[in-house]
Amino acid sequence: MRFSDFWRSAYHDNRRGFRFVVGMCLFWIGPVFFIWAGVAMDRPSMLGWGLLAGAGWLLAWAVMLIRHFRSAPGEVADLTPTVPMIAPGLMMVVGTFGAFANFS
C-alpha cells in the first residue's frame, strides 16, 4: 500500500488540489446528514438530493484513487484532474444545493 505516495501526490497537486483532497475527507458528513434528514422528515426529494451528493463524493474518490493506483510507486500523480472531476463536482454541488433548498 502506498499511502504516503497518495498524500505526497495530494500535497504536490497545488494548493487548491490539496485543499480539495482534504475537503473530500470531510465532505461525507453533508450527504449523510441530508440522507438522514430526508428519512427522518419523510422528504423523499431531500433523500434523493443527498444520494446524488453522496454518489458524486464516491465518484470523486474513485477518480482520485484510480489515478493514484495507476501511477508508479513513488511517482507524484495529479489526483484532481479537471475533466474527470467535472461530473463528480457538479453532482456534489447540485446535490448539496438541492438538499438545502428542501429545508424550506
C-alpha atoms as a PDB file:
ATOM      1  CA  MET A   1       0.000   0.000   0.000  1.00  0.00           C
ATOM      2  CA  ARG A   2       1.410   3.361  -0.992  1.00  0.00           C
ATOM      3  CA  PHE A   3      -0.464   5.503   1.490  1.00  0.00           C
ATOM      4  CA  SER A   4       2.361   8.025   1.796  1.00  0.00           C
ATOM      5  CA  ASP A   5       2.547   8.356  -2.005  1.00  0.00           C
ATOM      6  CA  PHE A   6      -1.136   9.345  -2.056  1.00  0.00           C
ATOM      7  CA  TRP A   7      -0.604  12.189   0.412  1.00  0.00           C
ATOM      8  CA  ARG A   8       2.628  13.252  -1.298  1.00  0.00           C
ATOM      9  CA  SER A   9       0.712  13.499  -4.586  1.00  0.00           C
ATOM     10  CA  ALA A  10      -2.064  15.429  -2.858  1.00  0.00           C
ATOM     11  CA  TYR A  11       0.418  17.843  -1.306  1.00  0.00           C
ATOM     12  CA  HIS A  12       2.250  18.431  -4.598  1.00  0.00           C
ATOM     13  CA  ASP A  13      -1.013  18.793  -6.550  1.00  0.00           C
ATOM     14  CA  ASN A  14      -1.028  22.514  -5.737  1.00  0.00           C
ATOM     15  CA  ARG A  15      -2.741  24.450  -3.016  1.00  0.00           C
ATOM     16  CA  ARG A  16      -6.258  24.000  -4.422  1.00  0.00           C
ATOM     17  CA  GLY A  17      -5.761  20.307  -5.150  1.00  0.00           C
ATOM     18  CA  PHE A  18      -4.515  19.626  -1.631  1.00  0.00           C
ATOM     19  CA  ARG A  19      -7.455  21.520  -0.143  1.00  0.00           C
ATOM     20  CA  PHE A  20      -9.820  19.528  -2.352  1.00  0.00           C
ATOM     21  CA  VAL A  21      -8.387  16.193  -1.202  1.00  0.00           C
ATOM     22  CA  VAL A  22      -8.518  17.227   2.463  1.00  0.00           C
ATOM     23  CA  GLY A  23     -12.033  18.601   1.972  1.00  0.00           C
ATOM     24  CA  MET A  24     -13.090  15.288   0.454  1.00  0.00           C
ATOM     25  CA  CYS A  25     -12.139  13.627   3.738  1.00  0.00           C
ATOM     26  CA  LEU A  26     -14.827  15.718   5.476  1.00  0.00           C
ATOM     27  CA  PHE A  27     -17.475  16.129   2.730  1.00  0.00           C
ATOM     28  CA  TRP A  28     -19.166  12.795   3.509  1.00  0.00           C
ATOM     29  CA  ILE A  29     -20.758  14.376   6.597  1.00  0.00           C
ATOM     30  CA  GLY A  30     -23.077  16.512   4.433  1.00  0.00           C
ATOM     31  CA  PRO A  31     -24.609  13.758   2.287  1.00  0.00           C
ATOM     32  CA  VAL A  32     -25.036  11.501   5.325  1.00  0.00           C
ATOM     33  CA  PHE A  33     -26.851  14.322   7.136  1.00  0.00           C
ATOM     34  CA  PHE A  34     -29.092  15.038   4.126  1.00  0.00           C
ATOM     35  CA  ILE A  35     -29.954  11.361   3.700  1.00  0.00           C
ATOM     36  CA  TRP A  36     -30.722  11.047   7.410  1.00  0.00           C
ATOM     37  CA  ALA A  37     -32.821  14.248   7.370  1.00  0.00           C
ATOM     38  CA  GLY A  38     -34.708  13.064   4.284  1.00  0.00           C
ATOM     39  CA  VAL A  39     -35.620   9.817   6.020  1.00  0.00           C
ATOM     40  CA  ALA A  40     -36.388  11.431   9.406  1.00  0.00           C
ATOM     41  CA  MET A  41     -38.517  14.259   7.944  1.00  0.00           C
ATOM     42  CA  ASP A  42     -40.155  11.961   5.359  1.00  0.00           C
ATOM     43  CA  ARG A  43     -38.945  14.019   2.402  1.00  0.00           C
ATOM     44  CA  PRO A  44     -38.013  11.729  -0.474  1.00  0.00           C
ATOM     45  CA  SER A  45     -36.724  14.637  -2.557  1.00  0.00           C
ATOM     46  CA  MET A  46     -34.168  15.548   0.131  1.00  0.00           C
ATOM     47  CA  LEU A  47     -33.171  11.900   0.302  1.00  0.00           C
ATOM     48  CA  GLY A  48     -32.631  11.932  -3.465  1.00  0.00           C
ATOM     49  CA  TRP A  49     -30.506  15.091  -3.366  1.00  0.00           C
ATOM     50  CA  GLY A  50     -28.434  13.622  -0.541  1.00  0.00           C
ATOM     51  CA  LEU A  51     -27.919  10.430  -2.529  1.00  0.00           C
ATOM     52  CA  LEU A  52     -26.845  12.498  -5.554  1.00  0.00           C
ATOM     53  CA  ALA A  53     -24.269  14.382  -3.468  1.00  0.00           C
ATOM     54  CA  GLY A  54     -23.059  11.125  -1.933  1.00  0.00           C
ATOM     55  CA  ALA A  55     -22.742   9.488  -5.353  1.00  0.00           C
ATOM     56  CA  GLY A  56     -20.673  12.452  -6.538  1.00  0.00           C
ATOM     57  CA  TRP A  57     -18.443  12.097  -3.484  1.00  0.00           C
ATOM     58  CA  LEU A  58     -17.904   8.383  -4.160  1.00  0.00           C
ATOM     59  CA  LEU A  59     -17.212   9.042  -7.838  1.00  0.00           C
ATOM     60  CA  ALA A  60     -14.653  11.746  -6.999  1.00  0.00           C
ATOM     61  CA  TRP A  61     -12.861   9.391  -4.606  1.00  0.00           C
ATOM     62  CA  ALA A  62     -12.919   6.709  -7.306  1.00  0.00           C
ATOM     63  CA  VAL A  63     -11.238   9.106  -9.765  1.00  0.00           C
ATOM     64  CA  MET A  64      -8.581  10.098  -7.223  1.00  0.00           C
ATOM     65  CA  LEU A  65      -7.821   6.539  -6.117  1.00  0.00           C
ATOM     66  CA  ILE A  66      -7.745   5.158  -9.664  1.00  0.00           C
ATOM     67  CA  ARG A  67      -5.268   7.847 -10.685  1.00  0.00           C
ATOM     68  CA  HIS A  68      -3.198   7.091  -7.585  1.00  0.00           C
ATOM     69  CA  PHE A  69      -3.089   3.323  -8.096  1.00  0.00           C
ATOM     70  CA  ARG A  70      -2.288   3.651 -11.813  1.00  0.00           C
ATOM     71  CA  SER A  71       0.813   5.693 -11.031  1.00  0.00           C
ATOM     72  CA  ALA A  72       4.156   4.043 -10.477  1.00  0.00           C
ATOM     73  CA  PRO A  73       5.348   3.576  -6.867  1.00  0.00           C
ATOM     74  CA  GLY A  74       6.984   6.754  -5.605  1.00  0.00           C
ATOM     75  CA  GLU A  75       5.632   8.821  -8.505  1.00  0.00           C
ATOM     76  CA  VAL A  76       3.714  12.047  -7.889  1.00  0.00           C
ATOM     77  CA  ALA A  77       0.378  11.930  -9.747  1.00  0.00           C
ATOM     78  CA  ASP A  78      -2.229  14.619 -10.402  1.00  0.00           C
ATOM     79  CA  LEU A  79      -5.085  13.442  -8.175  1.00  0.00           C
ATOM     80  CA  THR A  80      -7.545  16.175  -9.133  1.00  0.00           C
ATOM     81  CA  PRO A  81      -7.574  16.369 -12.937  1.00  0.00           C
ATOM     82  CA  THR A  82     -10.029  18.910 -14.284  1.00  0.00           C
ATOM     83  CA  VAL A  83     -12.000  16.953 -16.884  1.00  0.00           C
ATOM     84  CA  PRO A  84     -12.678  13.714 -14.929  1.00  0.00           C
ATOM     85  CA  MET A  85     -13.703  15.758 -11.869  1.00  0.00           C
ATOM     86  CA  ILE A  86     -16.360  17.846 -13.659  1.00  0.00           C
ATOM     87  CA  ALA A  87     -19.192  15.317 -13.290  1.00  0.00           C
ATOM     88  CA  PRO A  88     -18.493  14.406  -9.628  1.00  0.00           C
ATOM     89  CA  GLY A  89     -18.074  18.079  -8.736  1.00  0.00           C
ATOM     90  CA  LEU A  90     -21.373  19.016 -10.351  1.00  0.00           C
ATOM     91  CA  MET A  91     -23.119  16.104  -8.649  1.00  0.00           C
ATOM     92  CA  MET A  92     -21.827  17.191  -5.237  1.00  0.00           C
ATOM     93  CA  VAL A  93     -22.693  20.873  -5.726  1.00  0.00           C
ATOM     94  CA  VAL A  94     -26.145  20.289  -7.232  1.00  0.00           C
ATOM     95  CA  GLY A  95     -26.985  17.628  -4.636  1.00  0.00           C
ATOM     96  CA  THR A  96     -25.941  19.887  -1.764  1.00  0.00           C
ATOM     97  CA  PHE A  97     -27.853  22.925  -3.019  1.00  0.00           C
ATOM     98  CA  GLY A  98     -30.890  20.794  -3.847  1.00  0.00           C
ATOM     99  CA  ALA A  99     -30.926  19.330  -0.345  1.00  0.00           C
ATOM    100  CA  PHE A 100     -30.553  22.773   1.240  1.00  0.00           C
ATOM    101  CA  ALA A 101     -33.464  24.013  -0.897  1.00  0.00           C
ATOM    102  CA  ASN A 102     -35.683  21.259   0.533  1.00  0.00           C
ATOM    103  CA  PHE A 103     -35.316  22.517   4.098  1.00  0.00           C
ATOM    104  CA  SER A 104     -37.754  25.378   3.488  1.00  0.00           C
END
